[in-house]
Structure formats: structure tokens, C-alpha cells
């Protein structure tokens, strides 16, 4: 018994994946997901494989890869040197990890600045007037 391929429009694929119609059209145009062609009304038609592709794209995005990186990975299997996607994906994940670590470092610096500000302006933040309140509020103390 042969399986019947169930087709869906971009709207249905969007509803089933939570990805916008525009993003799905972009993914299609970039070659990240394939269509089965177009309907008589000129709608793009997708099969169940498109669901898998959209979920894989979402997983890669969730791991910190950019769409440009995902597109680069999807361009060829294997690449011109015969290298399969695994080693290239591993390199992209290392790059994504480095980006995340840099973001974490920036966030930790921001947290330290918040801690220092709170420490310096404890009276103001506690609702008590003081020289730091006048300095922050232009000499007009709002704590009355």
C-alpha cells in the first residue's frame, strides 16, 4: 500500500509550526524547505517533510545558529571537499557557543554595574533623600 502525501499550504504550515508565512516563504526561497510545487490557485504546497525541516531550523536557531549559518550548512551535502554536515555543524556550534559566551560576559558586566549603582545609591533607592538623590535628580529632591 502506498502512502498518500498530504499537502498543505504555507498558511497551514504556518499554523502547524508557529512560524510566520513570510519566514516560511523566505525559508523556501533560500532552499531550506522544499515545496511540492503550486496549487491551481498558485499557493505553495508543502508535505510533511517541510514540518521536519521547519522544526530542524527552529532547533538550530534555538542552539544559537544564525539563519545565514543554517543556509550555509544546507547548501551542499557533502561539500566540495567531500565533508558531510556533521563536522561543519560542529564548527558552527562552536561559533554559536563563543557568541553566547560573549553575550553572557556582557550581561555579567551589566549586572555588576547594576550592583555598583545600587550600592552607591542605596539611600535614594530606599526612598530616603540624600546627596545622591539631588545629584541624580538635578538638585531637586523628590523625596518629601
Protein backbone atom coordinates (compact mmCIF):
# COMPACT_ATOMS: atom_id res chain seq x y z
CA UNK A 1 0.00 0.00 0.00
CA UNK A 2 1.43 3.36 -0.97
CA UNK A 3 1.14 6.34 1.30
CA UNK A 4 -0.79 9.35 0.18
CA UNK A 5 1.19 12.53 0.56
CA UNK A 6 -0.89 15.10 2.41
CA UNK A 7 -0.21 18.57 1.12
CA UNK A 8 -0.59 21.84 2.97
CA UNK A 9 -0.43 25.49 2.02
CA UNK A 10 2.01 27.95 3.55
CA UNK A 11 -0.84 29.12 5.84
CA UNK A 12 -1.42 25.63 7.19
CA UNK A 13 2.32 25.03 7.59
CA UNK A 14 2.48 28.31 9.49
CA UNK A 15 -0.37 27.29 11.81
CA UNK A 16 1.19 23.89 12.44
CA UNK A 17 4.68 25.24 13.19
CA UNK A 18 4.04 28.70 14.64
CA UNK A 19 6.40 30.20 12.05
CA UNK A 20 5.14 33.20 10.08
CA UNK A 21 4.09 32.88 6.45
CA UNK A 22 6.81 35.37 5.48
CA UNK A 23 9.54 33.36 7.23
CA UNK A 24 8.31 30.16 5.56
CA UNK A 25 8.37 31.83 2.15
CA UNK A 26 11.91 33.07 2.90
CA UNK A 27 12.98 29.57 4.00
CA UNK A 28 11.58 28.22 0.73
CA UNK A 29 13.27 30.88 -1.38
CA UNK A 30 16.58 30.18 0.40
CA UNK A 31 16.29 26.44 -0.25
CA UNK A 32 15.85 25.45 3.40
CA UNK A 33 12.48 23.81 2.75
CA UNK A 34 11.12 22.41 -0.48
CA UNK A 35 7.71 22.77 -2.00
CA UNK A 36 5.80 20.21 -3.97
CA UNK A 37 5.01 22.97 -6.42
CA UNK A 38 1.99 25.22 -6.58
CA UNK A 39 -1.72 24.69 -6.43
CA UNK A 40 -4.10 25.75 -9.19
CA UNK A 41 -4.62 28.96 -7.21
CA UNK A 42 -0.82 29.46 -7.17
CA UNK A 43 -0.36 28.64 -3.46
CA UNK A 44 2.90 26.99 -2.47
CA UNK A 45 2.28 23.39 -1.43
CA UNK A 46 4.27 21.53 1.21
CA UNK A 47 4.34 17.98 2.53
CA UNK A 48 5.12 16.51 5.95
CA UNK A 49 8.86 16.76 5.22
CA UNK A 50 8.51 20.55 5.39
CA UNK A 51 7.33 20.19 9.00
CA UNK A 52 10.53 18.31 9.82
CA UNK A 53 12.65 20.98 8.10
CA UNK A 54 10.93 23.85 9.93
CA UNK A 55 11.39 22.08 13.27
CA UNK A 56 15.07 21.46 12.48
CA UNK A 57 15.55 25.14 11.57
CA UNK A 58 13.90 26.13 14.85
CA UNK A 59 16.16 23.73 16.76
CA UNK A 60 19.28 25.13 15.10
CA UNK A 61 18.10 28.70 15.82
CA UNK A 62 17.49 27.65 19.43
CA UNK A 63 21.11 26.49 19.60
CA UNK A 64 22.24 29.96 18.57
CA UNK A 65 22.90 29.48 14.88
CA UNK A 66 22.00 32.37 12.60
CA UNK A 67 19.85 31.87 9.52
CA UNK A 68 22.93 32.64 7.41
CA UNK A 69 24.81 29.81 9.14
CA UNK A 70 21.89 27.42 8.66
CA UNK A 71 21.69 28.38 4.99
CA UNK A 72 25.43 27.73 4.58
CA UNK A 73 25.05 24.29 6.14
CA UNK A 74 22.10 23.44 3.89
CA UNK A 75 23.80 24.41 0.62
CA UNK A 76 25.52 21.11 -0.07
CA UNK A 77 25.71 17.56 1.22
CA UNK A 78 28.61 16.79 1.11
CA UNK A 79 30.55 19.96 0.39
CA UNK A 80 33.14 20.33 -2.39
CA UNK A 81 35.78 18.60 -0.20
CA UNK A 82 33.53 15.62 0.49
CA UNK A 83 32.90 16.77 4.06
CA UNK A 84 29.49 15.88 5.42
CA UNK A 85 27.36 18.22 7.52
CA UNK A 86 28.45 16.85 10.93
CA UNK A 87 31.90 18.46 11.11
CA UNK A 88 30.59 21.71 9.61
CA UNK A 89 27.72 21.75 12.11
CA UNK A 90 30.19 21.15 14.95
CA UNK A 91 32.19 24.20 13.83
CA UNK A 92 29.03 26.34 13.61
CA UNK A 93 28.06 25.22 17.12
CA UNK A 94 31.49 26.24 18.42
CA UNK A 95 30.97 29.66 16.84
CA UNK A 96 27.49 29.93 18.36
CA UNK A 97 28.87 28.94 21.77
CA UNK A 98 31.51 31.68 21.53
CA UNK A 99 28.78 34.22 20.70
CA UNK A 100 26.70 33.07 23.68
CA UNK A 101 29.71 33.24 25.98
CA UNK A 102 30.42 36.81 24.80
CA UNK A 103 26.77 37.74 25.44
CA UNK A 104 26.96 36.20 28.92
CA UNK A 105 30.11 38.22 29.67
CA UNK A 106 28.35 41.43 28.59
CA UNK A 107 25.32 40.59 30.72
CA UNK A 108 27.55 39.87 33.72
CA UNK A 109 29.20 43.28 33.25
CA UNK A 110 25.77 44.91 33.16
CA UNK A 111 24.78 43.05 36.33
CA UNK A 112 27.96 44.29 38.04
CA UNK A 113 27.17 47.87 37.02
CA UNK A 114 23.65 47.46 38.43
CA UNK A 115 25.08 46.11 41.70
CA UNK A 116 27.53 49.03 41.92
CA UNK A 117 24.79 51.57 41.18
CA UNK A 118 22.50 50.06 43.80
CA UNK A 119 25.32 50.07 46.32
CA UNK A 120 26.23 53.69 45.61
CA UNK A 121 22.63 54.93 45.62
CA UNK A 122 21.17 52.75 48.38
CA UNK A 123 19.55 55.73 50.19
CA UNK A 124 17.87 57.02 47.04
CA UNK A 125 16.62 53.57 46.08
CA UNK A 126 15.31 53.10 49.62
CA UNK A 127 13.25 56.28 49.33
CA UNK A 128 15.48 58.43 51.55
CA UNK A 129 16.77 61.81 50.37
CA UNK A 130 20.48 62.38 50.29
CA UNK A 131 23.21 63.94 48.22
CA UNK A 132 22.99 61.11 45.67
CA UNK A 133 19.28 61.86 45.15
CA UNK A 134 20.00 65.54 44.46
CA UNK A 135 22.81 64.56 42.11
CA UNK A 136 20.55 62.18 40.16
CA UNK A 137 17.52 64.46 40.16
CA UNK A 138 19.25 67.77 39.39
CA UNK A 139 19.30 69.24 42.91
CA UNK A 140 15.51 68.97 43.28
CA UNK A 141 14.90 66.26 45.86
CA UNK A 142 11.73 64.35 45.03
CA UNK A 143 11.69 62.63 48.45
CA UNK A 144 9.42 64.82 50.52
